[in-house]
């Protein structure tokens, strides 16, 4: 079974998830942070299920790459909750304990612009620490105008491939693709690639985990535990514009995907 979910807790057995996972993104960004000399992470996360999953993914990635998590600051989904978290994060940063602040919040969540305003107001600035986002900030370019966004890092699939898929879909169907359309395409592309090789096990775990595939956002691979790895680019914000710092790799044969 190929599912559109990004929830790794349902993966395994005969279930493979195609959606981008927090674990995959955290590993990519943590590898980049390590190469840039970052070693002390403060996690700012929402006090809900997505926030807890994001926190766990960051902690695991930090462990993998030998980076220290110096603290985790949760916040309630309220104005008061975000304000309190920003103040607490400011105290940690001002003490010199952290060189990186990793934010789990979805870019479309109302808390994100609040954090990118209030963290700098509490002394958490890009001059002192590196901001890193676990989710795609490019889906909301208005965030780039905010003080905390300048110089921040986040990860995204290969944009040229995504744009190409969107254009081909629109040309064929006269409308923009549904957000899940790319995942559907990727699942069929994986099976088709195996079938084209003449493999009789194209619909088996052995076949689906035997190699990497090229999808709508670049190279991806289905793993034995039912999750996936996707090649991601690392982007930053410069002068209120997105700039690619480290392009998505063309294979998943090395670390730092």
Protein backbone atom coordinates (compact mmCIF):
# COMPACT_ATOMS: atom_id res chain seq x y z
CA UNK A 1 0.00 0.00 0.00
CA UNK A 2 1.32 3.42 -1.00
CA UNK A 3 -0.16 6.20 1.14
CA UNK A 4 -0.18 9.96 0.72
CA UNK A 5 0.47 10.50 4.43
CA UNK A 6 3.59 12.04 5.98
CA UNK A 7 2.90 10.41 9.35
CA UNK A 8 5.74 7.98 9.96
CA UNK A 9 3.85 6.30 12.81
CA UNK A 10 1.59 4.49 10.32
CA UNK A 11 4.45 3.29 8.09
CA UNK A 12 5.74 -0.26 8.12
CA UNK A 13 4.70 -3.73 7.12
CA UNK A 14 3.12 -3.38 3.71
CA UNK A 15 2.40 0.36 4.15
CA UNK A 16 4.71 2.94 2.54
CA UNK A 17 4.15 6.67 3.01
CA UNK A 18 4.98 9.02 0.15
CA UNK A 19 4.60 12.34 1.97
CA UNK A 20 7.65 14.36 3.07
CA UNK A 21 8.57 13.55 6.66
CA UNK A 22 9.91 15.67 9.50
CA UNK A 23 12.69 13.13 9.98
CA UNK A 24 13.93 13.46 6.41
CA UNK A 25 13.89 17.27 6.53
CA UNK A 26 15.52 17.42 9.95
CA UNK A 27 18.34 15.12 8.82
CA UNK A 28 19.02 17.25 5.75
CA UNK A 29 19.07 20.52 7.65
CA UNK A 30 21.06 19.15 10.58
CA UNK A 31 23.72 17.79 8.24
CA UNK A 32 23.98 21.24 6.66
CA UNK A 33 24.15 22.92 10.08
CA UNK A 34 26.92 20.58 11.19
CA UNK A 35 28.96 21.37 8.07
CA UNK A 36 28.53 25.07 8.81
CA UNK A 37 29.95 24.63 12.30
CA UNK A 38 26.69 24.74 14.26
CA UNK A 39 26.77 22.62 17.40
CA UNK A 40 24.20 23.85 19.97
CA UNK A 41 20.51 23.73 19.08
CA UNK A 42 17.52 25.29 20.81
CA UNK A 43 14.19 23.86 19.60
CA UNK A 44 11.10 26.07 19.58
CA UNK A 45 8.01 23.97 19.01
CA UNK A 46 4.23 24.07 19.35
CA UNK A 47 2.87 22.12 22.29
CA UNK A 48 0.72 19.82 20.15
CA UNK A 49 1.13 16.59 18.18
CA UNK A 50 2.88 18.11 15.11
CA UNK A 51 5.18 20.07 17.39
CA UNK A 52 6.10 16.97 19.38
CA UNK A 53 6.78 14.98 16.20
CA UNK A 54 8.93 17.83 14.91
CA UNK A 55 10.85 18.09 18.17
CA UNK A 56 11.55 14.35 18.15
CA UNK A 57 12.76 14.48 14.54
CA UNK A 58 15.16 17.31 15.34
CA UNK A 59 16.47 15.54 18.43
CA UNK A 60 17.11 12.34 16.46
CA UNK A 61 18.86 14.26 13.67
CA UNK A 62 21.01 16.08 16.22
CA UNK A 63 22.02 12.75 17.76
CA UNK A 64 22.88 11.34 14.33
CA UNK A 65 25.15 14.27 13.47
CA UNK A 66 26.72 14.83 16.87
CA UNK A 67 24.97 18.14 17.56
CA UNK A 68 23.87 19.09 21.09
CA UNK A 69 20.28 20.03 21.86
CA UNK A 70 20.62 22.58 24.66
CA UNK A 71 16.92 22.98 25.24
CA UNK A 72 13.39 22.80 23.89
CA UNK A 73 10.92 25.63 24.32
CA UNK A 74 7.27 24.63 23.78
CA UNK A 75 4.49 27.14 23.34
CA UNK A 76 0.71 27.05 23.54
CA UNK A 77 -1.11 28.08 20.37
CA UNK A 78 -2.05 31.52 21.67
CA UNK A 79 -0.66 35.05 21.67
CA UNK A 80 0.32 34.66 25.30
CA UNK A 81 1.92 31.26 24.67
CA UNK A 82 4.07 32.46 21.77
CA UNK A 83 5.12 35.59 23.68
CA UNK A 84 6.20 33.55 26.69
CA UNK A 85 8.17 31.15 24.48
CA UNK A 86 9.93 34.02 22.71
CA UNK A 87 10.95 35.52 26.05
CA UNK A 88 12.24 32.18 27.34
CA UNK A 89 14.17 31.54 24.10
CA UNK A 90 15.69 34.99 24.42
CA UNK A 91 17.07 34.14 27.84
CA UNK A 92 18.70 30.97 26.49
CA UNK A 93 20.27 32.77 23.53
CA UNK A 94 21.47 35.71 25.63
CA UNK A 95 23.24 33.24 27.93
CA UNK A 96 25.29 32.03 24.96
CA UNK A 97 24.03 28.45 25.28
CA UNK A 98 22.69 28.15 21.70
CA UNK A 99 24.08 29.00 18.28
CA UNK A 100 21.01 27.77 16.37
CA UNK A 101 17.24 28.07 16.87
CA UNK A 102 15.25 25.33 15.14
CA UNK A 103 11.55 26.19 14.68
CA UNK A 104 9.10 23.37 13.99
CA UNK A 105 6.07 25.54 13.22
CA UNK A 106 4.31 25.21 9.87
CA UNK A 107 4.80 28.34 7.78
CA UNK A 108 1.05 28.67 7.28
CA UNK A 109 0.36 28.63 11.03
CA UNK A 110 -0.54 31.96 12.64
CA UNK A 111 2.23 31.44 15.19
CA UNK A 112 5.00 31.68 12.60
CA UNK A 113 4.86 35.44 11.87
CA UNK A 114 4.51 36.05 15.61
CA UNK A 115 7.69 34.07 16.29
CA UNK A 116 9.64 35.81 13.53
CA UNK A 117 8.71 39.16 15.06
CA UNK A 118 8.89 38.38 18.75
CA UNK A 119 12.06 36.29 18.82
CA UNK A 120 14.16 39.22 17.50
CA UNK A 121 12.35 41.56 19.89
CA UNK A 122 13.62 39.33 22.71
CA UNK A 123 17.21 39.31 21.55
CA UNK A 124 17.08 36.23 19.31
CA UNK A 125 18.49 37.76 16.13
CA UNK A 126 20.23 36.41 13.04
CA UNK A 127 23.35 38.27 14.16
CA UNK A 128 23.54 35.99 17.19
CA UNK A 129 22.06 32.66 16.11
CA UNK A 130 21.11 30.77 12.99
CA UNK A 131 17.37 30.38 12.45
CA UNK A 132 16.30 27.06 10.88
CA UNK A 133 12.77 26.11 9.86
CA UNK A 134 11.56 22.52 9.77
CA UNK A 135 8.83 23.37 7.24
CA UNK A 136 8.87 25.07 3.85
CA UNK A 137 8.86 28.84 4.24
CA UNK A 138 8.73 29.48 0.49
CA UNK A 139 5.01 28.62 0.48
CA UNK A 140 4.49 31.91 2.31
CA UNK A 141 6.85 34.54 0.85
CA UNK A 142 5.36 37.29 3.02
CA UNK A 143 7.33 35.75 5.90
CA UNK A 144 10.52 36.91 4.18
CA UNK A 145 9.63 40.47 5.16
CA UNK A 146 9.89 39.69 8.87
CA UNK A 147 13.01 40.34 10.96
CA UNK A 148 13.60 36.71 11.95
CA UNK A 149 13.50 35.43 8.38
CA UNK A 150 16.63 37.11 6.99
CA UNK A 151 19.40 34.52 6.74
CA UNK A 152 17.22 31.64 7.94
CA UNK A 153 17.55 28.16 6.46
CA UNK A 154 14.81 25.78 5.35
CA UNK A 155 14.60 22.81 2.99
CA UNK A 156 12.54 22.17 -0.12
CA UNK A 157 12.37 19.74 -3.05
CA UNK A 158 14.00 20.49 -6.39
CA UNK A 159 11.97 23.51 -7.45
CA UNK A 160 12.61 23.20 -11.21
CA UNK A 161 11.13 19.69 -11.23
CA UNK A 162 8.13 20.76 -9.19
CA UNK A 163 7.49 23.71 -11.47
CA UNK A 164 7.78 21.47 -14.52
CA UNK A 165 5.22 19.01 -13.11
CA UNK A 166 2.82 21.83 -12.25
CA UNK A 167 3.09 23.27 -15.77
CA UNK A 168 2.57 19.90 -17.46
CA UNK A 169 -0.42 19.15 -15.23
CA UNK A 170 -2.00 22.54 -15.94
CA UNK A 171 -1.46 22.08 -19.67
CA UNK A 172 -3.12 18.66 -19.59
CA UNK A 173 -6.04 19.40 -17.27
CA UNK A 174 -6.50 23.16 -17.41
CA UNK A 175 -6.07 23.68 -13.68
CA UNK A 176 -3.36 23.66 -11.05
CA UNK A 177 -2.65 20.25 -9.50
CA UNK A 178 -4.05 19.28 -6.13
CA UNK A 179 -1.33 19.36 -3.42
CA UNK A 180 -1.41 15.55 -3.32
CA UNK A 181 -1.15 15.11 -7.09
CA UNK A 182 2.64 15.03 -6.98
CA UNK A 183 2.62 12.19 -4.46
CA UNK A 184 0.24 10.20 -6.64
CA UNK A 185 2.53 10.76 -9.61
CA UNK A 186 5.58 9.69 -7.59
CA UNK A 187 3.94 6.43 -6.50
CA UNK A 188 2.97 5.51 -10.05
CA UNK A 189 6.39 6.60 -11.34
CA UNK A 190 8.11 4.22 -8.93
CA UNK A 191 5.97 1.25 -10.00
CA UNK A 192 6.31 2.17 -13.67
CA UNK A 193 10.09 2.39 -13.42
CA UNK A 194 10.26 -1.10 -11.93
CA UNK A 195 7.83 -2.50 -14.48
CA UNK A 196 9.86 -0.97 -17.30
CA UNK A 197 12.86 -2.92 -16.01
CA UNK A 198 10.80 -6.08 -16.42
CA UNK A 199 10.70 -6.76 -12.71
CA UNK A 200 7.95 -9.09 -11.58
CA UNK A 201 8.22 -7.79 -8.02
CA UNK A 202 7.30 -4.19 -8.82
CA UNK A 203 4.46 -4.28 -6.28
CA UNK A 204 6.44 -5.96 -3.52
CA UNK A 205 8.47 -4.55 -0.63
CA UNK A 206 11.61 -5.95 -2.19
CA UNK A 207 10.97 -4.20 -5.47
CA UNK A 208 9.85 -0.87 -4.05
CA UNK A 209 12.90 -0.61 -1.77
CA UNK A 210 15.42 -1.83 -4.34
CA UNK A 211 16.41 1.53 -5.81
CA UNK A 212 15.85 5.27 -5.96
CA UNK A 213 13.29 6.89 -8.23
CA UNK A 214 12.88 10.30 -9.78
CA UNK A 215 9.66 12.07 -8.88
CA UNK A 216 8.04 15.47 -9.10
CA UNK A 217 10.43 17.02 -6.59
CA UNK A 218 13.60 15.11 -7.38
CA UNK A 219 15.09 11.81 -6.29
CA UNK A 220 13.34 9.78 -3.61
CA UNK A 221 13.60 6.34 -2.09
CA UNK A 222 11.18 4.11 -0.20
CA UNK A 223 12.72 2.58 2.90
CA UNK A 224 12.26 -0.85 4.48
CA UNK A 225 10.50 0.69 7.47
CA UNK A 226 7.83 2.18 5.21
CA UNK A 227 9.12 5.76 5.34
CA UNK A 228 10.89 7.60 2.55
CA UNK A 229 13.94 9.68 1.88
CA UNK A 230 13.76 12.62 -0.47
CA UNK A 231 16.58 14.68 -1.91
CA UNK A 232 16.14 18.23 -0.65
CA UNK A 233 17.76 21.58 -1.33
CA UNK A 234 18.70 23.97 1.47
CA UNK A 235 17.53 27.54 0.93
CA UNK A 236 17.99 30.81 2.76
CA UNK A 237 16.44 34.28 2.74
CA UNK A 238 18.57 37.14 1.42
CA UNK A 239 17.19 40.62 0.98
CA UNK A 240 13.67 39.22 1.38
CA UNK A 241 14.17 36.71 -1.46
CA UNK A 242 14.70 32.94 -1.43
CA UNK A 243 18.18 31.81 -2.47
CA UNK A 244 19.31 28.19 -2.85
CA UNK A 245 22.39 27.58 -0.70
CA UNK A 246 22.88 23.87 -1.36
CA UNK A 247 21.04 22.25 -4.30
CA UNK A 248 19.18 18.98 -3.91
CA UNK A 249 21.57 16.08 -4.59
CA UNK A 250 21.06 13.94 -7.67
CA UNK A 251 21.29 10.73 -5.65
CA UNK A 252 20.70 9.47 -2.11
CA UNK A 253 23.89 7.46 -1.92
CA UNK A 254 25.56 9.82 0.53
CA UNK A 255 24.69 11.54 3.80
CA UNK A 256 23.18 15.00 3.82
CA UNK A 257 20.21 14.24 1.60
